[in-house]
């Protein structure tokens, strides 16, 4: 929670603050199962609080180290994250002049708005959105990562000359037939043709 009461409600009042907080967890601050800021990891916040007619406009940057796996080779990796955000936290009694009078519309609008509670505001949901947008959707350990061999799973960066003899599946059946024929020829060569010994004996 952050306190805006010292800021007052005079439009134009400004306050800057820096704070390091523990990253929230459950759900992870990031993309679950791919990459995220570990629960309890330090999250550095630089905030600018500005009082306006409707409430307090919060502009800031969050910095943290996210951990995950390379999507190509599955090696662990760490990514430094800089996430910028801006959000309005409205006063509960703010004048809503100019907004639709329909109560249903008001309820829908309120779902997308953030409000100050006794001069305090919570940044967790705002940070989650900002950090997820700043993270790579498909993190890689390096842009040139060759990934894993699709045949045996060996890491190709560590074995650049690694390869398998490619077999065209269209010829696989004929290859099996050829091997069968070759095996049959070997069996025939192992013994004399029928009737040969009989002629020699005569």
N, C-alpha and C. Protein backbone atom coordinates (compact mmCIF):
# COMPACT_ATOMS: atom_id res chain seq x y z
N UNK A 1 0.83 -1.20 0.00
CA UNK A 1 0.00 0.00 0.00
C UNK A 1 0.88 1.26 0.00
N UNK A 2 0.46 2.25 -0.73
CA UNK A 2 1.17 3.52 -0.80
C UNK A 2 0.24 4.63 -0.31
N UNK A 3 0.83 5.56 0.44
CA UNK A 3 0.05 6.62 1.09
C UNK A 3 0.13 7.91 0.28
N UNK A 4 -1.03 8.50 -0.02
CA UNK A 4 -1.07 9.77 -0.76
C UNK A 4 -1.54 10.92 0.11
N UNK A 5 -1.76 10.69 1.38
CA UNK A 5 -2.36 11.73 2.23
C UNK A 5 -1.46 12.95 2.38
N UNK A 6 -0.13 12.75 2.35
CA UNK A 6 0.77 13.89 2.42
C UNK A 6 0.70 14.75 1.16
N UNK A 7 0.27 14.16 0.08
CA UNK A 7 0.18 14.87 -1.19
C UNK A 7 -0.93 15.92 -1.16
N UNK A 8 -2.01 15.61 -0.43
CA UNK A 8 -3.15 16.52 -0.40
C UNK A 8 -3.99 16.40 -1.66
N UNK A 9 -5.05 17.20 -1.71
CA UNK A 9 -5.97 17.11 -2.86
C UNK A 9 -5.91 18.35 -3.72
N UNK A 10 -4.87 19.14 -3.57
CA UNK A 10 -4.73 20.33 -4.41
C UNK A 10 -4.17 19.92 -5.76
N UNK A 11 -4.91 20.14 -6.86
CA UNK A 11 -4.43 19.76 -8.19
C UNK A 11 -3.07 20.37 -8.49
N UNK A 12 -2.20 19.54 -9.02
CA UNK A 12 -0.86 20.01 -9.35
C UNK A 12 0.19 19.63 -8.34
N UNK A 13 -0.22 19.21 -7.16
CA UNK A 13 0.74 18.78 -6.14
C UNK A 13 1.46 17.53 -6.63
N UNK A 14 2.75 17.45 -6.33
CA UNK A 14 3.58 16.39 -6.89
C UNK A 14 4.46 15.78 -5.80
N UNK A 15 4.64 14.48 -5.91
CA UNK A 15 5.51 13.78 -4.96
C UNK A 15 6.21 12.65 -5.69
N UNK A 16 7.51 12.50 -5.44
CA UNK A 16 8.28 11.40 -6.02
C UNK A 16 8.76 10.51 -4.89
N UNK A 17 8.79 9.23 -5.16
CA UNK A 17 9.31 8.31 -4.15
C UNK A 17 9.89 7.07 -4.81
N UNK A 18 10.89 6.50 -4.14
CA UNK A 18 11.51 5.25 -4.59
C UNK A 18 11.39 4.25 -3.45
N UNK A 19 11.09 3.04 -3.82
CA UNK A 19 10.91 2.01 -2.79
C UNK A 19 11.23 0.65 -3.38
N UNK A 20 11.81 -0.21 -2.55
CA UNK A 20 12.04 -1.60 -2.94
C UNK A 20 11.10 -2.48 -2.14
N UNK A 21 10.31 -3.28 -2.86
CA UNK A 21 9.33 -4.16 -2.22
C UNK A 21 9.59 -5.59 -2.65
N UNK A 22 8.99 -6.53 -1.94
CA UNK A 22 9.08 -7.94 -2.32
C UNK A 22 8.06 -8.25 -3.41
N UNK A 23 8.50 -8.96 -4.43
CA UNK A 23 7.59 -9.34 -5.52
C UNK A 23 6.50 -10.26 -4.98
N UNK A 24 5.26 -10.00 -5.35
CA UNK A 24 4.17 -10.87 -4.90
C UNK A 24 4.21 -12.21 -5.61
N UNK A 25 3.53 -13.18 -5.05
CA UNK A 25 3.45 -14.50 -5.68
C UNK A 25 2.02 -14.98 -5.71
N UNK A 26 1.82 -16.14 -6.31
CA UNK A 26 0.51 -16.80 -6.34
C UNK A 26 -0.62 -15.87 -6.81
N UNK A 27 -0.76 -15.61 -8.10
CA UNK A 27 0.07 -16.16 -9.18
C UNK A 27 1.39 -15.42 -9.31
N UNK A 28 2.30 -16.02 -10.06
CA UNK A 28 3.62 -15.45 -10.24
C UNK A 28 3.53 -14.12 -10.97
N UNK A 29 4.47 -13.23 -10.69
CA UNK A 29 4.53 -11.93 -11.35
C UNK A 29 5.20 -12.12 -12.71
N UNK A 30 4.42 -12.54 -13.69
CA UNK A 30 4.96 -12.82 -15.01
C UNK A 30 4.07 -13.78 -15.76
N UNK A 31 4.67 -14.62 -16.59
CA UNK A 31 3.94 -15.59 -17.40
C UNK A 31 4.16 -16.96 -16.77
N UNK A 32 3.13 -17.50 -16.17
CA UNK A 32 3.24 -18.74 -15.40
C UNK A 32 3.76 -19.88 -16.27
N UNK A 33 4.78 -20.57 -15.77
CA UNK A 33 5.35 -21.70 -16.49
C UNK A 33 6.35 -21.32 -17.56
N UNK A 34 6.54 -20.02 -17.81
CA UNK A 34 7.47 -19.58 -18.86
C UNK A 34 8.58 -18.72 -18.26
N UNK A 35 8.20 -17.58 -17.68
CA UNK A 35 9.16 -16.66 -17.10
C UNK A 35 8.44 -15.72 -16.15
N UNK A 36 9.10 -15.36 -15.05
CA UNK A 36 8.47 -14.47 -14.09
C UNK A 36 9.44 -14.05 -13.00
N UNK A 37 9.04 -13.05 -12.22
CA UNK A 37 9.83 -12.59 -11.09
C UNK A 37 9.50 -13.48 -9.91
N UNK A 38 10.48 -14.17 -9.33
CA UNK A 38 10.20 -15.09 -8.22
C UNK A 38 9.56 -14.38 -7.03
N UNK A 39 8.69 -15.09 -6.35
CA UNK A 39 8.04 -14.52 -5.17
C UNK A 39 9.10 -14.12 -4.15
N UNK A 40 8.96 -12.90 -3.62
CA UNK A 40 9.89 -12.40 -2.61
C UNK A 40 11.13 -11.73 -3.16
N UNK A 41 11.34 -11.79 -4.49
CA UNK A 41 12.51 -11.14 -5.09
C UNK A 41 12.35 -9.62 -5.00
N UNK A 42 13.46 -8.88 -4.92
CA UNK A 42 13.35 -7.41 -4.82
C UNK A 42 12.79 -6.79 -6.08
N UNK A 43 11.86 -5.87 -5.88
CA UNK A 43 11.21 -5.16 -6.97
C UNK A 43 11.41 -3.67 -6.70
N UNK A 44 12.22 -3.02 -7.52
CA UNK A 44 12.54 -1.60 -7.31
C UNK A 44 11.51 -0.73 -8.03
N UNK A 45 10.92 0.20 -7.29
CA UNK A 45 9.89 1.07 -7.83
C UNK A 45 10.32 2.53 -7.76
N UNK A 46 10.20 3.23 -8.87
CA UNK A 46 10.36 4.69 -8.92
C UNK A 46 9.01 5.27 -9.31
N UNK A 47 8.41 6.04 -8.40
CA UNK A 47 7.04 6.51 -8.61
C UNK A 47 6.96 8.04 -8.63
N UNK A 48 6.02 8.51 -9.41
CA UNK A 48 5.68 9.94 -9.46
C UNK A 48 4.19 10.05 -9.20
N UNK A 49 3.83 10.68 -8.08
CA UNK A 49 2.44 10.85 -7.70
C UNK A 49 2.02 12.29 -7.97
N UNK A 50 0.97 12.46 -8.75
CA UNK A 50 0.49 13.80 -9.09
C UNK A 50 -1.00 13.92 -8.75
N UNK A 51 -1.31 14.93 -7.97
CA UNK A 51 -2.71 15.16 -7.60
C UNK A 51 -3.43 15.87 -8.73
N UNK A 52 -4.56 15.32 -9.13
CA UNK A 52 -5.40 15.92 -10.17
C UNK A 52 -6.82 16.03 -9.63
N UNK A 53 -7.71 16.58 -10.42
CA UNK A 53 -9.09 16.81 -9.94
C UNK A 53 -9.76 15.52 -9.52
N UNK A 54 -9.58 14.44 -10.31
CA UNK A 54 -10.31 13.20 -10.07
C UNK A 54 -9.65 12.30 -9.04
N UNK A 55 -8.36 12.50 -8.79
CA UNK A 55 -7.66 11.61 -7.86
C UNK A 55 -6.16 11.81 -7.93
N UNK A 56 -5.41 10.70 -7.94
CA UNK A 56 -3.95 10.75 -8.00
C UNK A 56 -3.47 9.95 -9.21
N UNK A 57 -2.72 10.63 -10.06
CA UNK A 57 -2.15 9.97 -11.24
C UNK A 57 -0.78 9.41 -10.85
N UNK A 58 -0.62 8.10 -10.98
CA UNK A 58 0.62 7.42 -10.59
C UNK A 58 1.36 6.99 -11.86
N UNK A 59 2.57 7.49 -12.01
CA UNK A 59 3.44 7.12 -13.13
C UNK A 59 4.71 6.52 -12.54
N UNK A 60 5.17 5.43 -13.10
CA UNK A 60 6.36 4.82 -12.50
C UNK A 60 7.03 3.79 -13.37
N UNK A 61 8.12 3.26 -12.82
CA UNK A 61 8.90 2.20 -13.46
C UNK A 61 9.20 1.13 -12.41
N UNK A 62 9.04 -0.11 -12.78
CA UNK A 62 9.38 -1.24 -11.91
C UNK A 62 10.57 -1.97 -12.53
N UNK A 63 11.58 -2.28 -11.70
CA UNK A 63 12.76 -3.00 -12.17
C UNK A 63 12.94 -4.26 -11.34
N UNK A 64 13.21 -5.36 -12.02
CA UNK A 64 13.39 -6.64 -11.32
C UNK A 64 14.11 -7.62 -12.24
N UNK A 65 14.53 -8.74 -11.66
CA UNK A 65 15.14 -9.82 -12.42
C UNK A 65 14.14 -10.96 -12.53
N UNK A 66 13.80 -11.33 -13.76
CA UNK A 66 12.87 -12.44 -13.99
C UNK A 66 13.66 -13.70 -14.33
N UNK A 67 13.14 -14.83 -13.91
CA UNK A 67 13.80 -16.11 -14.17
C UNK A 67 12.88 -17.02 -14.97
N UNK A 68 13.49 -17.82 -15.83
CA UNK A 68 12.69 -18.75 -16.64
C UNK A 68 13.59 -19.73 -17.36
N UNK A 69 13.10 -20.28 -18.47
CA UNK A 69 13.85 -21.23 -19.29
C UNK A 69 13.85 -20.77 -20.73
N UNK A 70 14.97 -21.03 -21.40
CA UNK A 70 15.05 -20.76 -22.84
C UNK A 70 14.07 -21.69 -23.56
N UNK A 71 13.26 -21.13 -24.44
CA UNK A 71 12.26 -21.95 -25.13
C UNK A 71 12.90 -22.85 -26.20
N UNK A 72 14.16 -22.62 -26.52
CA UNK A 72 14.83 -23.44 -27.54
C UNK A 72 15.64 -24.58 -26.94
N UNK A 73 16.42 -24.27 -25.88
CA UNK A 73 17.30 -25.31 -25.32
C UNK A 73 16.95 -25.69 -23.90
N UNK A 74 15.97 -25.01 -23.28
CA UNK A 74 15.46 -25.30 -21.94
C UNK A 74 16.47 -25.00 -20.83
N UNK A 75 17.53 -24.26 -21.14
CA UNK A 75 18.50 -23.86 -20.12
C UNK A 75 17.92 -22.72 -19.29
N UNK A 76 18.24 -22.67 -17.98
CA UNK A 76 17.76 -21.56 -17.14
C UNK A 76 18.31 -20.23 -17.63
N UNK A 77 17.52 -19.18 -17.48
CA UNK A 77 17.99 -17.85 -17.88
C UNK A 77 17.42 -16.79 -16.94
N UNK A 78 18.07 -15.63 -16.95
CA UNK A 78 17.64 -14.49 -16.16
C UNK A 78 17.52 -13.29 -17.08
N UNK A 79 16.43 -12.55 -16.94
CA UNK A 79 16.17 -11.38 -17.78
C UNK A 79 15.92 -10.18 -16.88
N UNK A 80 16.60 -9.08 -17.14
CA UNK A 80 16.36 -7.84 -16.40
C UNK A 80 15.14 -7.14 -17.00
N UNK A 81 14.20 -6.79 -16.15
CA UNK A 81 12.93 -6.22 -16.61
C UNK A 81 12.80 -4.76 -16.18
N UNK A 82 12.44 -3.91 -17.13
CA UNK A 82 12.07 -2.52 -16.85
C UNK A 82 10.65 -2.34 -17.36
N UNK A 83 9.72 -2.18 -16.44
CA UNK A 83 8.31 -2.08 -16.83
C UNK A 83 7.78 -0.69 -16.46
N UNK A 84 7.33 0.04 -17.47
CA UNK A 84 6.75 1.37 -17.24
C UNK A 84 5.24 1.25 -17.12
N UNK A 85 4.65 2.09 -16.30
CA UNK A 85 3.19 2.05 -16.14
C UNK A 85 2.68 3.43 -15.74
N UNK A 86 1.40 3.63 -15.96
CA UNK A 86 0.70 4.84 -15.53
C UNK A 86 -0.74 4.48 -15.23
N UNK A 87 -1.23 4.91 -14.08
CA UNK A 87 -2.60 4.57 -13.69
C UNK A 87 -3.19 5.69 -12.85
N UNK A 88 -4.49 5.89 -13.05
CA UNK A 88 -5.24 6.87 -12.26
C UNK A 88 -5.94 6.17 -11.11
N UNK A 89 -5.73 6.67 -9.90
CA UNK A 89 -6.46 6.19 -8.73
C UNK A 89 -7.42 7.30 -8.31
N UNK A 90 -8.70 7.02 -8.50
CA UNK A 90 -9.73 8.05 -8.29
C UNK A 90 -10.13 8.17 -6.83
N UNK A 91 -10.54 9.39 -6.45
CA UNK A 91 -11.14 9.58 -5.13
C UNK A 91 -12.51 8.91 -5.14
N UNK A 92 -12.90 8.25 -4.06
CA UNK A 92 -14.22 7.60 -4.02
C UNK A 92 -15.36 8.59 -4.24
N UNK A 93 -15.15 9.86 -3.84
CA UNK A 93 -16.21 10.86 -3.97
C UNK A 93 -15.95 11.81 -5.13
N UNK A 94 -15.12 11.37 -6.09
CA UNK A 94 -14.78 12.24 -7.22
C UNK A 94 -16.01 12.61 -8.01
N UNK A 95 -16.02 13.83 -8.53
CA UNK A 95 -17.12 14.32 -9.35
C UNK A 95 -17.07 13.63 -10.71
N UNK A 96 -18.14 12.94 -11.05
CA UNK A 96 -18.17 12.19 -12.31
C UNK A 96 -18.94 12.93 -13.39
N UNK A 97 -18.87 14.23 -13.40
CA UNK A 97 -19.59 15.00 -14.42
C UNK A 97 -19.12 14.59 -15.81
N UNK A 98 -20.11 14.48 -16.68
CA UNK A 98 -19.79 14.11 -18.05
C UNK A 98 -19.83 12.62 -18.29
N UNK A 99 -19.95 11.82 -17.24
CA UNK A 99 -20.06 10.38 -17.42
C UNK A 99 -21.52 10.00 -17.63
N UNK A 100 -21.81 8.85 -18.27
CA UNK A 100 -23.19 8.43 -18.51
C UNK A 100 -23.96 8.27 -17.20
N UNK A 101 -25.23 8.57 -17.25
CA UNK A 101 -26.06 8.49 -16.04
C UNK A 101 -26.60 7.10 -15.79
N UNK A 102 -26.47 6.20 -16.79
CA UNK A 102 -27.00 4.85 -16.65
C UNK A 102 -26.22 4.10 -15.57
N UNK A 103 -26.89 3.61 -14.50
CA UNK A 103 -26.19 2.90 -13.42
C UNK A 103 -25.44 1.66 -13.91
N UNK A 104 -25.99 0.96 -14.92
CA UNK A 104 -25.33 -0.23 -15.44
C UNK A 104 -23.99 0.15 -16.07
N UNK A 105 -23.99 1.26 -16.82
CA UNK A 105 -22.75 1.72 -17.43
C UNK A 105 -21.75 2.13 -16.36
N UNK A 106 -22.25 2.78 -15.30
CA UNK A 106 -21.37 3.19 -14.21
C UNK A 106 -20.70 1.99 -13.57
N UNK A 107 -21.46 0.90 -13.39
CA UNK A 107 -20.91 -0.30 -12.76
C UNK A 107 -19.82 -0.91 -13.63
N UNK A 108 -20.04 -0.91 -14.96
CA UNK A 108 -19.03 -1.45 -15.86
C UNK A 108 -17.76 -0.60 -15.84
N UNK A 109 -17.94 0.72 -15.81
CA UNK A 109 -16.79 1.62 -15.78
C UNK A 109 -16.00 1.45 -14.48
N UNK A 110 -16.71 1.24 -13.37
CA UNK A 110 -16.03 1.10 -12.08
C UNK A 110 -15.15 -0.14 -12.04
N UNK A 111 -15.52 -1.19 -12.81
CA UNK A 111 -14.70 -2.41 -12.83
C UNK A 111 -13.32 -2.14 -13.42
N UNK A 112 -13.24 -1.15 -14.31
CA UNK A 112 -11.97 -0.84 -14.96
C UNK A 112 -11.22 0.29 -14.27
N UNK A 113 -11.78 0.81 -13.18
CA UNK A 113 -11.16 1.94 -12.48
C UNK A 113 -10.54 1.48 -11.17
N UNK A 114 -9.54 2.25 -10.72
CA UNK A 114 -8.90 2.01 -9.44
C UNK A 114 -9.25 3.18 -8.51
N UNK A 115 -9.49 2.87 -7.25
CA UNK A 115 -9.89 3.89 -6.30
C UNK A 115 -8.93 3.95 -5.12
N UNK A 116 -8.80 5.14 -4.57
CA UNK A 116 -8.06 5.33 -3.33
C UNK A 116 -8.94 4.90 -2.17
N UNK A 117 -8.36 4.26 -1.19
CA UNK A 117 -9.08 3.87 0.01
C UNK A 117 -8.39 4.51 1.21
N UNK A 118 -9.06 5.51 1.79
CA UNK A 118 -8.47 6.28 2.90
C UNK A 118 -7.12 6.86 2.52
N UNK A 119 -7.01 7.30 1.27
CA UNK A 119 -5.77 7.91 0.80
C UNK A 119 -4.70 6.91 0.41
N UNK A 120 -5.00 5.62 0.44
CA UNK A 120 -4.02 4.58 0.12
C UNK A 120 -4.37 3.93 -1.23
N UNK A 121 -3.35 3.44 -1.90
CA UNK A 121 -3.60 2.69 -3.13
C UNK A 121 -2.68 1.47 -3.18
N UNK A 122 -3.15 0.42 -3.87
CA UNK A 122 -2.42 -0.84 -4.01
C UNK A 122 -2.00 -0.99 -5.47
N UNK A 123 -0.70 -1.21 -5.71
CA UNK A 123 -0.18 -1.29 -7.07
C UNK A 123 -0.08 -2.71 -7.64
N UNK A 124 -0.44 -3.73 -6.87
CA UNK A 124 -0.14 -5.10 -7.30
C UNK A 124 -0.72 -5.44 -8.67
N UNK A 125 -2.00 -5.18 -8.89
CA UNK A 125 -2.60 -5.56 -10.18
C UNK A 125 -2.01 -4.74 -11.33
N UNK A 126 -1.69 -3.47 -11.04
CA UNK A 126 -1.07 -2.63 -12.07
C UNK A 126 0.32 -3.17 -12.42
N UNK A 127 1.08 -3.57 -11.41
CA UNK A 127 2.41 -4.12 -11.65
C UNK A 127 2.36 -5.42 -12.43
N UNK A 128 1.38 -6.25 -12.11
CA UNK A 128 1.26 -7.53 -12.84
C UNK A 128 1.08 -7.28 -14.33
N UNK A 129 0.18 -6.38 -14.67
CA UNK A 129 -0.07 -6.09 -16.09
C UNK A 129 1.18 -5.52 -16.75
N UNK A 130 1.86 -4.59 -16.06
CA UNK A 130 3.03 -3.93 -16.65
C UNK A 130 4.18 -4.91 -16.84
N UNK A 131 4.44 -5.75 -15.85
CA UNK A 131 5.56 -6.69 -15.94
C UNK A 131 5.31 -7.73 -17.03
N UNK A 132 4.09 -8.25 -17.13
CA UNK A 132 3.77 -9.25 -18.15
C UNK A 132 4.00 -8.68 -19.55
N UNK A 133 3.61 -7.42 -19.76
CA UNK A 133 3.80 -6.79 -21.07
C UNK A 133 5.28 -6.55 -21.37
N UNK A 134 6.09 -6.36 -20.32
CA UNK A 134 7.51 -6.08 -20.53
C UNK A 134 8.35 -7.35 -20.73
N UNK A 135 7.81 -8.50 -20.37
CA UNK A 135 8.56 -9.75 -20.48
C UNK A 135 8.51 -10.31 -21.89
N UNK A 136 9.57 -11.01 -22.32
CA UNK A 136 9.53 -11.67 -23.63
C UNK A 136 8.57 -12.86 -23.58
N UNK A 137 7.71 -12.98 -24.58
CA UNK A 137 6.75 -14.09 -24.62
C UNK A 137 7.44 -15.42 -24.88
N UNK A 138 8.57 -15.38 -25.61
CA UNK A 138 9.35 -16.59 -25.89
C UNK A 138 10.81 -16.29 -25.56
N UNK A 139 11.17 -16.38 -24.27
CA UNK A 139 12.53 -16.03 -23.87
C UNK A 139 13.57 -17.00 -24.42
N UNK A 140 14.72 -16.46 -24.83
CA UNK A 140 15.83 -17.28 -25.31
C UNK A 140 17.10 -16.88 -24.57
N UNK A 141 18.00 -17.85 -24.36
CA UNK A 141 19.25 -17.56 -23.65
C UNK A 141 20.13 -16.63 -24.47
N UNK A 142 20.06 -16.76 -25.80
CA UNK A 142 20.72 -15.84 -26.72
C UNK A 142 20.03 -15.96 -28.07
N UNK A 143 20.10 -14.90 -28.85
CA UNK A 143 19.37 -14.87 -30.12
C UNK A 143 19.83 -15.96 -31.07
N UNK A 144 21.09 -16.38 -30.96
CA UNK A 144 21.63 -17.39 -31.89
C UNK A 144 21.50 -18.81 -31.35
N UNK A 145 20.77 -19.01 -30.25
CA UNK A 145 20.63 -20.34 -29.67
C UNK A 145 20.08 -21.31 -30.72
N UNK A 146 20.80 -22.42 -30.90
CA UNK A 146 20.40 -23.41 -31.92
C UNK A 146 19.36 -24.40 -31.40
N UNK A 147 19.15 -24.41 -30.08
CA UNK A 147 18.13 -25.29 -29.52
C UNK A 147 18.63 -26.72 -29.32
N UNK A 148 17.68 -27.66 -29.34
CA UNK A 148 17.97 -29.07 -29.12
C UNK A 148 17.76 -29.88 -30.39
N UNK A 149 18.49 -30.98 -30.51
CA UNK A 149 18.30 -31.89 -31.64
C UNK A 149 16.91 -32.52 -31.53
N UNK A 150 16.18 -32.48 -32.60
CA UNK A 150 14.82 -33.04 -32.57
C UNK A 150 14.82 -34.56 -32.52
N UNK A 151 15.97 -35.18 -32.85
CA UNK A 151 16.05 -36.64 -32.85
C UNK A 151 16.42 -37.19 -31.47
N UNK A 152 17.45 -36.58 -30.84
CA UNK A 152 17.97 -37.15 -29.59
C UNK A 152 17.98 -36.18 -28.42
N UNK A 153 17.69 -34.90 -28.66
CA UNK A 153 17.59 -33.93 -27.58
C UNK A 153 18.91 -33.33 -27.13
N UNK A 154 20.02 -33.61 -27.83
CA UNK A 154 21.31 -33.05 -27.43
C UNK A 154 21.33 -31.56 -27.75
N UNK A 155 22.06 -30.79 -26.92
CA UNK A 155 22.13 -29.33 -27.10
C UNK A 155 23.06 -29.02 -28.27
N UNK A 156 22.53 -28.36 -29.31
CA UNK A 156 23.27 -28.17 -30.55
C UNK A 156 24.37 -27.13 -30.41
N UNK A 157 24.24 -26.15 -29.51
CA UNK A 157 25.29 -25.15 -29.33
C UNK A 157 26.58 -25.80 -28.82
N UNK A 158 26.45 -26.85 -28.04
CA UNK A 158 27.62 -27.53 -27.49
C UNK A 158 28.15 -28.59 -28.45
N UNK A 159 27.38 -28.95 -29.46
CA UNK A 159 27.77 -29.97 -30.44
C UNK A 159 27.42 -29.46 -31.84
N UNK A 160 28.16 -28.46 -32.33
CA UNK A 160 27.79 -27.82 -33.61
C UNK A 160 27.82 -28.76 -34.82
N UNK A 161 28.65 -29.83 -34.76
CA UNK A 161 28.72 -30.74 -35.90
C UNK A 161 27.76 -31.91 -35.81
N UNK A 162 26.91 -31.90 -34.79
CA UNK A 162 26.00 -33.03 -34.56
C UNK A 162 24.95 -33.13 -35.66
N UNK A 163 24.74 -34.36 -36.16
CA UNK A 163 23.68 -34.58 -37.14
C UNK A 163 23.30 -36.06 -37.17
N UNK A 164 22.18 -36.35 -37.78
CA UNK A 164 21.73 -37.72 -37.98
C UNK A 164 21.54 -37.93 -39.48
N UNK A 165 21.82 -39.16 -39.94
CA UNK A 165 21.57 -39.45 -41.35
C UNK A 165 20.08 -39.41 -41.61
N UNK A 166 19.69 -38.54 -42.51
CA UNK A 166 18.27 -38.38 -42.78
C UNK A 166 17.75 -39.52 -43.63
N UNK A 167 16.61 -40.05 -43.27
CA UNK A 167 15.95 -41.10 -44.04
C UNK A 167 14.62 -40.56 -44.53
N UNK A 168 14.45 -40.57 -45.84
CA UNK A 168 13.21 -40.09 -46.43
C UNK A 168 12.11 -41.13 -46.14
N UNK A 169 11.10 -40.72 -45.41
CA UNK A 169 10.05 -41.68 -45.02
C UNK A 169 9.34 -42.26 -46.23
N UNK A 170 9.41 -41.59 -47.36
CA UNK A 170 8.75 -42.11 -48.56
C UNK A 170 9.46 -43.36 -49.09
N UNK A 171 10.76 -43.51 -48.74
CA UNK A 171 11.53 -44.66 -49.21
C UNK A 171 11.73 -45.70 -48.11
N UNK A 172 11.19 -45.45 -46.93
CA UNK A 172 11.43 -46.33 -45.80
C UNK A 172 10.93 -47.75 -46.07
N UNK A 173 9.74 -47.88 -46.67
CA UNK A 173 9.18 -49.21 -46.95
C UNK A 173 10.04 -49.97 -47.95
N UNK A 174 10.53 -49.27 -48.99
CA UNK A 174 11.38 -49.92 -49.98
C UNK A 174 12.72 -50.32 -49.38
N UNK A 175 13.22 -49.49 -48.43
CA UNK A 175 14.47 -49.82 -47.77
C UNK A 175 14.33 -51.14 -47.01
N UNK A 176 13.19 -51.30 -46.32
CA UNK A 176 12.94 -52.54 -45.59
C UNK A 176 12.85 -53.73 -46.53
N UNK A 177 12.23 -53.55 -47.69
CA UNK A 177 12.11 -54.61 -48.68
C UNK A 177 13.49 -54.99 -49.23
N UNK A 178 14.32 -53.99 -49.47
CA UNK A 178 15.67 -54.25 -49.99
C UNK A 178 16.48 -55.06 -48.99
N UNK A 179 16.37 -54.72 -47.72
CA UNK A 179 17.11 -55.47 -46.70
C UNK A 179 16.64 -56.91 -46.64
N UNK A 180 15.33 -57.15 -46.82
CA UNK A 180 14.79 -58.51 -46.81
C UNK A 180 15.34 -59.32 -47.98
N UNK A 181 15.40 -58.70 -49.17
CA UNK A 181 15.93 -59.38 -50.35
C UNK A 181 17.40 -59.73 -50.14
N UNK A 182 18.17 -58.77 -49.58
CA UNK A 182 19.59 -59.01 -49.35
C UNK A 182 19.80 -60.16 -48.36
N UNK A 183 18.99 -60.21 -47.33
CA UNK A 183 19.10 -61.31 -46.36
C UNK A 183 18.80 -62.64 -47.02
N UNK A 184 17.81 -62.68 -47.93
CA UNK A 184 17.47 -63.92 -48.63
C UNK A 184 18.59 -64.39 -49.52
N UNK A 185 19.27 -63.46 -50.19
CA UNK A 185 20.38 -63.81 -51.07
C UNK A 185 21.53 -64.41 -50.27
N UNK A 186 21.78 -63.84 -49.07
CA UNK A 186 22.85 -64.37 -48.22
C UNK A 186 22.55 -65.80 -47.80
N UNK A 187 21.27 -66.07 -47.48
CA UNK A 187 20.89 -67.42 -47.07
C UNK A 187 21.13 -68.41 -48.21
N UNK A 188 20.82 -68.04 -49.43
CA UNK A 188 21.00 -68.92 -50.58
C UNK A 188 22.47 -69.19 -50.85
N UNK A 189 23.28 -68.16 -50.62
CA UNK A 189 24.71 -68.32 -50.86
C UNK A 189 25.35 -69.22 -49.83
N UNK A 190 24.73 -69.40 -48.70
CA UNK A 190 25.30 -70.22 -47.64
C UNK A 190 25.28 -71.70 -47.96
N UNK A 191 24.46 -72.17 -48.90
CA UNK A 191 24.38 -73.59 -49.24
C UNK A 191 24.34 -73.78 -50.74
N UNK A 192 24.62 -74.99 -51.19
CA UNK A 192 24.62 -75.26 -52.64
C UNK A 192 23.20 -75.34 -53.13
N UNK A 193 23.05 -75.13 -54.43
CA UNK A 193 21.73 -75.20 -55.01
C UNK A 193 21.25 -76.65 -54.99
N UNK A 194 19.95 -76.83 -54.85
CA UNK A 194 19.41 -78.20 -54.81
C UNK A 194 19.79 -78.98 -56.06
N UNK A 195 20.19 -80.23 -55.88
CA UNK A 195 20.49 -81.09 -57.01
C UNK A 195 21.94 -81.07 -57.45
N UNK A 196 22.71 -80.08 -57.03
CA UNK A 196 24.10 -79.98 -57.49
C UNK A 196 24.94 -81.12 -56.94
N UNK A 197 24.80 -81.40 -55.64
CA UNK A 197 25.59 -82.46 -55.02
C UNK A 197 25.26 -83.83 -55.60
N UNK A 198 23.96 -84.02 -55.94
CA UNK A 198 23.54 -85.29 -56.47
C UNK A 198 24.23 -85.57 -57.81
N UNK A 199 24.35 -84.54 -58.67
CA UNK A 199 24.98 -84.71 -59.98
C UNK A 199 26.45 -85.02 -59.81
N UNK A 200 27.09 -84.32 -58.83
CA UNK A 200 28.52 -84.53 -58.63
C UNK A 200 28.80 -85.95 -58.15
N UNK A 201 27.88 -86.53 -57.34
CA UNK A 201 28.07 -87.87 -56.80
C UNK A 201 28.00 -88.90 -57.93
N UNK A 202 27.18 -88.64 -58.91
CA UNK A 202 27.04 -89.55 -60.05
C UNK A 202 28.30 -89.47 -60.91
